[in-house]
PDB file of N, CA and C in Angstrom:
ATOM      1  N   UNK A   1     101.463 115.761 121.045  1.00  0.00           N
ATOM      2  CA  UNK A   1     101.171 115.173 119.748  1.00  0.00           C
ATOM      3  C   UNK A   1     100.525 113.803 119.947  1.00  0.00           C
ATOM      4  N   UNK A   2      99.493 113.548 119.183  1.00  0.00           N
ATOM      5  CA  UNK A   2      98.817 112.255 119.236  1.00  0.00           C
ATOM      6  C   UNK A   2      99.686 111.175 118.610  1.00  0.00           C
ATOM      7  N   UNK A   3      99.502 109.954 119.071  1.00  0.00           N
ATOM      8  CA  UNK A   3     100.183 108.791 118.494  1.00  0.00           C
ATOM      9  C   UNK A   3      99.125 107.883 117.888  1.00  0.00           C
ATOM     10  N   UNK A   4      99.534 107.106 116.916  1.00  0.00           N
ATOM     11  CA  UNK A   4      98.620 106.196 116.248  1.00  0.00           C
ATOM     12  C   UNK A   4      99.274 104.815 116.184  1.00  0.00           C
ATOM     13  N   UNK A   5      98.465 103.772 116.317  1.00  0.00           N
ATOM     14  CA  UNK A   5      98.976 102.405 116.185  1.00  0.00           C
ATOM     15  C   UNK A   5      98.496 101.830 114.850  1.00  0.00           C
ATOM     16  N   UNK A   6      98.846 100.576 114.592  1.00  0.00           N
ATOM     17  CA  UNK A   6      98.499  99.968 113.309  1.00  0.00           C
ATOM     18  C   UNK A   6      96.990  99.930 113.079  1.00  0.00           C
ATOM     19  N   UNK A   7      96.223  99.580 114.099  1.00  0.00           N
ATOM     20  CA  UNK A   7      94.759  99.578 113.945  1.00  0.00           C
ATOM     21  C   UNK A   7      94.241 100.975 113.648  1.00  0.00           C
ATOM     22  N   UNK A   8      94.793 101.970 114.331  1.00  0.00           N
ATOM     23  CA  UNK A   8      94.392 103.353 114.084  1.00  0.00           C
ATOM     24  C   UNK A   8      94.776 103.813 112.692  1.00  0.00           C
ATOM     25  N   UNK A   9      95.939 103.362 112.211  1.00  0.00           N
ATOM     26  CA  UNK A   9      96.391 103.710 110.861  1.00  0.00           C
ATOM     27  C   UNK A   9      95.440 103.120 109.825  1.00  0.00           C
ATOM     28  N   UNK A  10      95.060 101.885 110.054  1.00  0.00           N
ATOM     29  CA  UNK A  10      94.116 101.209 109.162  1.00  0.00           C
ATOM     30  C   UNK A  10      92.778 101.954 109.162  1.00  0.00           C
ATOM     31  N   UNK A  11      92.282 102.287 110.340  1.00  0.00           N
ATOM     32  CA  UNK A  11      91.008 103.005 110.457  1.00  0.00           C
ATOM     33  C   UNK A  11      91.074 104.372 109.776  1.00  0.00           C
ATOM     34  N   UNK A  12      92.179 105.089 109.959  1.00  0.00           N
ATOM     35  CA  UNK A  12      92.329 106.406 109.335  1.00  0.00           C
ATOM     36  C   UNK A  12      92.276 106.278 107.814  1.00  0.00           C
ATOM     37  N   UNK A  13      92.969 105.288 107.274  1.00  0.00           N
ATOM     38  CA  UNK A  13      92.981 105.109 105.821  1.00  0.00           C
ATOM     39  C   UNK A  13      91.592 104.736 105.297  1.00  0.00           C
ATOM     40  N   UNK A  14      90.903 103.847 105.993  1.00  0.00           N
ATOM     41  CA  UNK A  14      89.545 103.456 105.578  1.00  0.00           C
ATOM     42  C   UNK A  14      88.601 104.653 105.663  1.00  0.00           C
ATOM     43  N   UNK A  15      88.662 105.392 106.764  1.00  0.00           N
ATOM     44  CA  UNK A  15      87.796 106.566 106.914  1.00  0.00           C
ATOM     45  C   UNK A  15      88.102 107.620 105.849  1.00  0.00           C
ATOM     46  N   UNK A  16      89.366 107.757 105.502  1.00  0.00           N
ATOM     47  CA  UNK A  16      89.763 108.704 104.457  1.00  0.00           C
ATOM     48  C   UNK A  16      89.221 108.273 103.093  1.00  0.00           C
ATOM     49  N   UNK A  17      89.229 106.970 102.855  1.00  0.00           N
ATOM     50  CA  UNK A  17      88.677 106.440 101.608  1.00  0.00           C
ATOM     51  C   UNK A  17      87.169 106.679 101.540  1.00  0.00           C
ATOM     52  N   UNK A  18      86.476 106.424 102.634  1.00  0.00           N
ATOM     53  CA  UNK A  18      85.031 106.665 102.689  1.00  0.00           C
ATOM     54  C   UNK A  18      84.747 108.152 102.465  1.00  0.00           C
ATOM     55  N   UNK A  19      85.523 109.013 103.118  1.00  0.00           N
ATOM     56  CA  UNK A  19      85.357 110.462 102.987  1.00  0.00           C
ATOM     57  C   UNK A  19      85.482 110.880 101.521  1.00  0.00           C
ATOM     58  N   UNK A  20      86.522 110.393 100.849  1.00  0.00           N
ATOM     59  CA  UNK A  20      86.715 110.815  99.453  1.00  0.00           C
ATOM     60  C   UNK A  20      85.649 110.218  98.536  1.00  0.00           C
ATOM     61  N   UNK A  21      85.134 109.040  98.892  1.00  0.00           N
ATOM     62  CA  UNK A  21      84.115 108.427  98.041  1.00  0.00           C
ATOM     63  C   UNK A  21      82.800 109.200  98.077  1.00  0.00           C
ATOM     64  N   UNK A  22      82.633 110.056  99.067  1.00  0.00           N
ATOM     65  CA  UNK A  22      81.419 110.859  99.192  1.00  0.00           C
ATOM     66  C   UNK A  22      81.524 112.192  98.442  1.00  0.00           C
ATOM     67  N   UNK A  23      82.670 112.429  97.822  1.00  0.00           N
ATOM     68  CA  UNK A  23      82.895 113.639  97.040  1.00  0.00           C
ATOM     69  C   UNK A  23      83.269 113.196  95.624  1.00  0.00           C
ATOM     70  N   UNK A  24      82.343 113.339  94.683  1.00  0.00           N
ATOM     71  CA  UNK A  24      82.564 112.783  93.343  1.00  0.00           C
ATOM     72  C   UNK A  24      83.809 113.351  92.661  1.00  0.00           C
ATOM     73  N   UNK A  25      84.096 114.629  92.834  1.00  0.00           N
ATOM     74  CA  UNK A  25      85.277 115.223  92.206  1.00  0.00           C
ATOM     75  C   UNK A  25      86.564 114.646  92.798  1.00  0.00           C
ATOM     76  N   UNK A  26      86.598 114.572  94.113  1.00  0.00           N
ATOM     77  CA  UNK A  26      87.772 114.031  94.805  1.00  0.00           C
ATOM     78  C   UNK A  26      87.974 112.556  94.457  1.00  0.00           C
ATOM     79  N   UNK A  27      86.890 111.801  94.469  1.00  0.00           N
ATOM     80  CA  UNK A  27      86.965 110.377  94.175  1.00  0.00           C
ATOM     81  C   UNK A  27      87.408 110.150  92.735  1.00  0.00           C
ATOM     82  N   UNK A  28      86.902 110.942  91.813  1.00  0.00           N
ATOM     83  CA  UNK A  28      87.307 110.827  90.405  1.00  0.00           C
ATOM     84  C   UNK A  28      88.795 111.084  90.246  1.00  0.00           C
ATOM     85  N   UNK A  29      89.307 112.075  90.975  1.00  0.00           N
ATOM     86  CA  UNK A  29      90.745 112.382  90.908  1.00  0.00           C
ATOM     87  C   UNK A  29      91.560 111.210  91.443  1.00  0.00           C
ATOM     88  N   UNK A  30      91.120 110.631  92.558  1.00  0.00           N
ATOM     89  CA  UNK A  30      91.813 109.476  93.134  1.00  0.00           C
ATOM     90  C   UNK A  30      91.828 108.310  92.145  1.00  0.00           C
ATOM     91  N   UNK A  31      90.686 108.022  91.545  1.00  0.00           N
ATOM     92  CA  UNK A  31      90.606 106.919  90.581  1.00  0.00           C
ATOM     93  C   UNK A  31      91.505 107.174  89.377  1.00  0.00           C
ATOM     94  N   UNK A  32      91.515 108.406  88.896  1.00  0.00           N
ATOM     95  CA  UNK A  32      92.357 108.744  87.750  1.00  0.00           C
ATOM     96  C   UNK A  32      93.840 108.574  88.079  1.00  0.00           C
ATOM     97  N   UNK A  33      94.234 108.987  89.272  1.00  0.00           N
ATOM     98  CA  UNK A  33      95.643 108.885  89.665  1.00  0.00           C
ATOM     99  C   UNK A  33      96.075 107.446  89.919  1.00  0.00           C
ATOM    100  N   UNK A  34      95.171 106.632  90.429  1.00  0.00           N
ATOM    101  CA  UNK A  34      95.527 105.244  90.747  1.00  0.00           C
ATOM    102  C   UNK A  34      95.338 104.305  89.563  1.00  0.00           C
ATOM    103  N   UNK A  35      94.512 104.707  88.614  1.00  0.00           N
ATOM    104  CA  UNK A  35      94.266 103.864  87.455  1.00  0.00           C
ATOM    105  C   UNK A  35      93.283 102.730  87.710  1.00  0.00           C
ATOM    106  N   UNK A  36      92.588 102.784  88.835  1.00  0.00           N
ATOM    107  CA  UNK A  36      91.581 101.760  89.093  1.00  0.00           C
ATOM    108  C   UNK A  36      90.196 102.348  88.857  1.00  0.00           C
ATOM    109  N   UNK A  37      89.219 101.469  88.742  1.00  0.00           N
ATOM    110  CA  UNK A  37      87.845 101.918  88.550  1.00  0.00           C
ATOM    111  C   UNK A  37      87.081 101.758  89.856  1.00  0.00           C
ATOM    112  N   UNK A  38      85.955 102.434  89.949  1.00  0.00           N
ATOM    113  CA  UNK A  38      85.158 102.399  91.180  1.00  0.00           C
ATOM    114  C   UNK A  38      84.766 100.976  91.554  1.00  0.00           C
ATOM    115  N   UNK A  39      84.474 100.140  90.572  1.00  0.00           N
ATOM    116  CA  UNK A  39      84.067  98.770  90.886  1.00  0.00           C
ATOM    117  C   UNK A  39      85.238  97.880  91.306  1.00  0.00           C
ATOM    118  N   UNK A  40      86.459  98.383  91.190  1.00  0.00           N
ATOM    119  CA  UNK A  40      87.639  97.635  91.622  1.00  0.00           C
ATOM    120  C   UNK A  40      88.097  98.008  93.030  1.00  0.00           C
ATOM    121  N   UNK A  41      87.458  98.990  93.643  1.00  0.00           N
ATOM    122  CA  UNK A  41      87.904  99.495  94.944  1.00  0.00           C
ATOM    123  C   UNK A  41      87.929  98.406  96.007  1.00  0.00           C
ATOM    124  N   UNK A  42      86.875  97.649  96.136  1.00  0.00           N
ATOM    125  CA  UNK A  42      86.828  96.610  97.186  1.00  0.00           C
ATOM    126  C   UNK A  42      87.966  95.611  97.032  1.00  0.00           C
ATOM    127  N   UNK A  43      88.218  95.192  95.820  1.00  0.00           N
ATOM    128  CA  UNK A  43      89.314  94.257  95.575  1.00  0.00           C
ATOM    129  C   UNK A  43      90.658  94.925  95.824  1.00  0.00           C
ATOM    130  N   UNK A  44      90.816  96.120  95.311  1.00  0.00           N
ATOM    131  CA  UNK A  44      92.083  96.840  95.474  1.00  0.00           C
ATOM    132  C   UNK A  44      92.386  97.114  96.944  1.00  0.00           C
ATOM    133  N   UNK A  45      91.362  97.380  97.730  1.00  0.00           N
ATOM    134  CA  UNK A  45      91.558  97.695  99.148  1.00  0.00           C
ATOM    135  C   UNK A  45      92.164  96.522  99.912  1.00  0.00           C
ATOM    136  N   UNK A  46      92.059  95.321  99.385  1.00  0.00           N
ATOM    137  CA  UNK A  46      92.637  94.146 100.036  1.00  0.00           C
ATOM    138  C   UNK A  46      94.122  93.967  99.706  1.00  0.00           C
ATOM    139  N   UNK A  47      94.608  94.708  98.739  1.00  0.00           N
ATOM    140  CA  UNK A  47      95.998  94.577  98.308  1.00  0.00           C
ATOM    141  C   UNK A  47      96.934  95.339  99.246  1.00  0.00           C
ATOM    142  N   UNK A  48      98.095  94.732  99.550  1.00  0.00           N
ATOM    143  CA  UNK A  48      99.076  95.453 100.361  1.00  0.00           C
ATOM    144  C   UNK A  48      99.462  96.758  99.665  1.00  0.00           C
ATOM    145  N   UNK A  49      99.530  97.795 100.392  1.00  0.00           N
ATOM    146  CA  UNK A  49      99.934  99.086  99.844  1.00  0.00           C
ATOM    147  C   UNK A  49      98.785  99.979  99.424  1.00  0.00           C
ATOM    148  N   UNK A  50      97.586  99.426  99.250  1.00  0.00           N
ATOM    149  CA  UNK A  50      96.475 100.263  98.804  1.00  0.00           C
ATOM    150  C   UNK A  50      96.140 101.333  99.827  1.00  0.00           C
ATOM    151  N   UNK A  51      96.015 100.941 101.095  1.00  0.00           N
ATOM    152  CA  UNK A  51      95.645 101.922 102.119  1.00  0.00           C
ATOM    153  C   UNK A  51      96.741 102.970 102.300  1.00  0.00           C
ATOM    154  N   UNK A  52      97.987 102.553 102.154  1.00  0.00           N
ATOM    155  CA  UNK A  52      99.086 103.530 102.188  1.00  0.00           C
ATOM    156  C   UNK A  52      98.928 104.515 101.032  1.00  0.00           C
ATOM    157  N   UNK A  53      98.482 104.017  99.887  1.00  0.00           N
ATOM    158  CA  UNK A  53      98.254 104.883  98.732  1.00  0.00           C
ATOM    159  C   UNK A  53      97.157 105.903  98.975  1.00  0.00           C
ATOM    160  N   UNK A  54      96.131 105.504  99.734  1.00  0.00           N
ATOM    161  CA  UNK A  54      95.066 106.447 100.090  1.00  0.00           C
ATOM    162  C   UNK A  54      95.654 107.588 100.914  1.00  0.00           C
ATOM    163  N   UNK A  55      96.468 107.246 101.900  1.00  0.00           N
ATOM    164  CA  UNK A  55      97.080 108.286 102.731  1.00  0.00           C
ATOM    165  C   UNK A  55      98.034 109.152 101.924  1.00  0.00           C
ATOM    166  N   UNK A  56      98.784 108.543 101.014  1.00  0.00           N
ATOM    167  CA  UNK A  56      99.695 109.312 100.157  1.00  0.00           C
ATOM    168  C   UNK A  56      98.928 110.291  99.277  1.00  0.00           C
ATOM    169  N   UNK A  57      97.754 109.888  98.826  1.00  0.00           N
ATOM    170  CA  UNK A  57      96.904 110.761  98.025  1.00  0.00           C
ATOM    171  C   UNK A  57      96.590 112.041  98.809  1.00  0.00           C
ATOM    172  N   UNK A  58      96.224 111.904 100.064  1.00  0.00           N
ATOM    173  CA  UNK A  58      95.932 113.067 100.911  1.00  0.00           C
ATOM    174  C   UNK A  58      97.194 113.874 101.189  1.00  0.00           C
ATOM    175  N   UNK A  59      98.270 113.209 101.489  1.00  0.00           N
ATOM    176  CA  UNK A  59      99.510 113.915 101.810  1.00  0.00           C
ATOM    177  C   UNK A  59     100.077 114.667 100.614  1.00  0.00           C
ATOM    178  N   UNK A  60      99.752 114.229  99.418  1.00  0.00           N
ATOM    179  CA  UNK A  60     100.253 114.876  98.201  1.00  0.00           C
ATOM    180  C   UNK A  60      99.479 116.142  97.847  1.00  0.00           C
ATOM    181  N   UNK A  61      98.353 116.378  98.500  1.00  0.00           N
ATOM    182  CA  UNK A  61      97.529 117.547  98.194  1.00  0.00           C
ATOM    183  C   UNK A  61      97.034 118.164  99.500  1.00  0.00           C
ATOM    184  N   UNK A  62      97.782 119.148  99.985  1.00  0.00           N
ATOM    185  CA  UNK A  62      97.503 119.720 101.304  1.00  0.00           C
ATOM    186  C   UNK A  62      96.078 120.256 101.464  1.00  0.00           C
ATOM    187  N   UNK A  63      95.491 120.917 100.459  1.00  0.00           N
ATOM    188  CA  UNK A  63      94.101 121.369 100.653  1.00  0.00           C
ATOM    189  C   UNK A  63      93.130 120.222 100.932  1.00  0.00           C
ATOM    190  N   UNK A  64      93.333 119.093 100.269  1.00  0.00           N
ATOM    191  CA  UNK A  64      92.479 117.925 100.512  1.00  0.00           C
ATOM    192  C   UNK A  64      92.724 117.382 101.915  1.00  0.00           C
ATOM    193  N   UNK A  65      93.981 117.277 102.298  1.00  0.00           N
ATOM    194  CA  UNK A  65      94.333 116.820 103.643  1.00  0.00           C
ATOM    195  C   UNK A  65      93.704 117.714 104.703  1.00  0.00           C
ATOM    196  N   UNK A  66      93.849 119.008 104.544  1.00  0.00           N
ATOM    197  CA  UNK A  66      93.338 119.940 105.549  1.00  0.00           C
ATOM    198  C   UNK A  66      91.806 119.942 105.587  1.00  0.00           C
ATOM    199  N   UNK A  67      91.184 119.758 104.447  1.00  0.00           N
ATOM    200  CA  UNK A  67      89.721 119.683 104.428  1.00  0.00           C
ATOM    201  C   UNK A  67      89.248 118.473 105.233  1.00  0.00           C
ATOM    202  N   UNK A  68      89.868 117.336 104.987  1.00  0.00           N
ATOM    203  CA  UNK A  68      89.509 116.127 105.738  1.00  0.00           C
ATOM    204  C   UNK A  68      89.731 116.355 107.237  1.00  0.00           C
ATOM    205  N   UNK A  69      90.884 116.873 107.580  1.00  0.00           N
ATOM    206  CA  UNK A  69      91.227 117.060 108.994  1.00  0.00           C
ATOM    207  C   UNK A  69      90.294 118.051 109.680  1.00  0.00           C
ATOM    208  N   UNK A  70      89.934 119.115 108.994  1.00  0.00           N
ATOM    209  CA  UNK A  70      89.021 120.108 109.550  1.00  0.00           C
ATOM    210  C   UNK A  70      87.631 119.508 109.758  1.00  0.00           C
ATOM    211  N   UNK A  71      87.153 118.791 108.756  1.00  0.00           N
ATOM    212  CA  UNK A  71      85.796 118.243 108.833  1.00  0.00           C
ATOM    213  C   UNK A  71      85.672 117.073 109.807  1.00  0.00           C
ATOM    214  N   UNK A  72      86.782 116.399 110.091  1.00  0.00           N
ATOM    215  CA  UNK A  72      86.716 115.226 110.969  1.00  0.00           C
ATOM    216  C   UNK A  72      87.409 115.428 112.312  1.00  0.00           C
ATOM    217  N   UNK A  73      88.056 116.580 112.491  1.00  0.00           N
ATOM    218  CA  UNK A  73      88.767 116.836 113.742  1.00  0.00           C
ATOM    219  C   UNK A  73      90.008 115.972 113.906  1.00  0.00           C
ATOM    220  N   UNK A  74      90.651 115.638 112.794  1.00  0.00           N
ATOM    221  CA  UNK A  74      91.836 114.774 112.799  1.00  0.00           C
ATOM    222  C   UNK A  74      93.107 115.611 112.759  1.00  0.00           C
ATOM    223  N   UNK A  75      94.097 115.223 113.539  1.00  0.00           N
ATOM    224  CA  UNK A  75      95.408 115.862 113.520  1.00  0.00           C
ATOM    225  C   UNK A  75      96.112 115.467 112.219  1.00  0.00           C
ATOM    226  N   UNK A  76      96.502 116.423 111.374  1.00  0.00           N
ATOM    227  CA  UNK A  76      97.158 116.094 110.106  1.00  0.00           C
ATOM    228  C   UNK A  76      98.434 115.271 110.280  1.00  0.00           C
ATOM    229  N   UNK A  77      99.114 115.434 111.396  1.00  0.00           N
ATOM    230  CA  UNK A  77     100.351 114.688 111.637  1.00  0.00           C
ATOM    231  C   UNK A  77     100.105 113.185 111.706  1.00  0.00           C
ATOM    232  N   UNK A  78      98.878 112.789 112.014  1.00  0.00           N
ATOM    233  CA  UNK A  78      98.560 111.365 112.095  1.00  0.00           C
ATOM    234  C   UNK A  78      98.690 110.671 110.739  1.00  0.00           C
ATOM    235  N   UNK A  79      98.494 111.416 109.656  1.00  0.00           N
ATOM    236  CA  UNK A  79      98.597 110.821 108.324  1.00  0.00           C
ATOM    237  C   UNK A  79     100.012 110.302 108.068  1.00  0.00           C
ATOM    238  N   UNK A  80     101.010 111.088 108.409  1.00  0.00           N
ATOM    239  CA  UNK A  80     102.398 110.672 108.202  1.00  0.00           C
ATOM    240  C   UNK A  80     102.744 109.486 109.100  1.00  0.00           C
ATOM    241  N   UNK A  81     102.303 109.528 110.346  1.00  0.00           N
ATOM    242  CA  UNK A  81     102.542 108.407 111.262  1.00  0.00           C
ATOM    243  C   UNK A  81     101.877 107.139 110.737  1.00  0.00           C
ATOM    244  N   UNK A  82     100.624 107.264 110.323  1.00  0.00           N
ATOM    245  CA  UNK A  82      99.869 106.120 109.824  1.00  0.00           C
ATOM    246  C   UNK A  82     100.527 105.530 108.582  1.00  0.00           C
ATOM    247  N   UNK A  83     100.986 106.395 107.712  1.00  0.00           N
ATOM    248  CA  UNK A  83     101.619 105.938 106.481  1.00  0.00           C
ATOM    249  C   UNK A  83     102.818 105.051 106.785  1.00  0.00           C
ATOM    250  N   UNK A  84     103.613 105.422 107.761  1.00  0.00           N
ATOM    251  CA  UNK A  84     104.797 104.630 108.115  1.00  0.00           C
ATOM    252  C   UNK A  84     104.432 103.251 108.674  1.00  0.00           C
ATOM    253  N   UNK A  85     103.237 103.114 109.220  1.00  0.00           N
ATOM    254  CA  UNK A  85     102.819 101.847 109.825  1.00  0.00           C
ATOM    255  C   UNK A  85     102.203 100.862 108.827  1.00  0.00           C
ATOM    256  N   UNK A  86     101.643 101.383 107.764  1.00  0.00           N
ATOM    257  CA  UNK A  86     100.920 100.533 106.812  1.00  0.00           C
ATOM    258  C   UNK A  86     101.850  99.888 105.781  1.00  0.00           C
ATOM    259  N   UNK A  87     101.501  98.678 105.326  1.00  0.00           N
ATOM    260  CA  UNK A  87     102.286  98.037 104.261  1.00  0.00           C
ATOM    261  C   UNK A  87     102.379  98.947 103.035  1.00  0.00           C
ATOM    262  N   UNK A  88     103.578  99.098 102.517  1.00  0.00           N
ATOM    263  CA  UNK A  88     103.792  99.945 101.354  1.00  0.00           C
ATOM    264  C   UNK A  88     104.026 101.402 101.693  1.00  0.00           C
ATOM    265  N   UNK A  89     103.925 101.751 102.957  1.00  0.00           N
ATOM    266  CA  UNK A  89     104.092 103.150 103.338  1.00  0.00           C
ATOM    267  C   UNK A  89     105.440 103.483 103.941  1.00  0.00           C
ATOM    268  N   UNK A  90     106.154 102.472 104.361  1.00  0.00           N
ATOM    269  CA  UNK A  90     107.458 102.712 104.993  1.00  0.00           C
ATOM    270  C   UNK A  90     108.497 103.037 103.936  1.00  0.00           C
ATOM    271  N   UNK A  91     109.004 104.220 103.988  1.00  0.00           N
ATOM    272  CA  UNK A  91     109.996 104.652 103.004  1.00  0.00           C
ATOM    273  C   UNK A  91     111.382 104.069 103.307  1.00  0.00           C
ATOM    274  N   UNK A  92     111.605 103.671 104.557  1.00  0.00           N
ATOM    275  CA  UNK A  92     112.910 103.164 104.957  1.00  0.00           C
ATOM    276  C   UNK A  92     112.982 101.637 104.906  1.00  0.00           C
ATOM    277  N   UNK A  93     111.983 101.003 104.338  1.00  0.00           N
ATOM    278  CA  UNK A  93     111.917  99.540 104.344  1.00  0.00           C
ATOM    279  C   UNK A  93     112.842  98.915 103.299  1.00  0.00           C
ATOM    280  N   UNK A  94     113.400  99.697 102.433  1.00  0.00           N
ATOM    281  CA  UNK A  94     114.217  99.129 101.350  1.00  0.00           C
ATOM    282  C   UNK A  94     115.655  99.206 101.685  1.00  0.00           C
TER     283      UNK A  94
END
């Protein structure tokens, strides 16, 4: 099994965001679920927890996750690992 570090988690989340932004239907769904607008993405991406939210979006919809992983050659297990490393993604932090 592959391992991921904090830099890799950050890169995975950014790449996942770029991937979804290239698919208007997927991106529209993400915006609708998060309540932000396309012009707010750059600002929102600087907020703690935003990148964890991107990964959660993929993890909440397996077909989307598997499509990304198939098209990019990414191990799906990396999403869960990455989520635990990013601010706002650790479920045991409370």
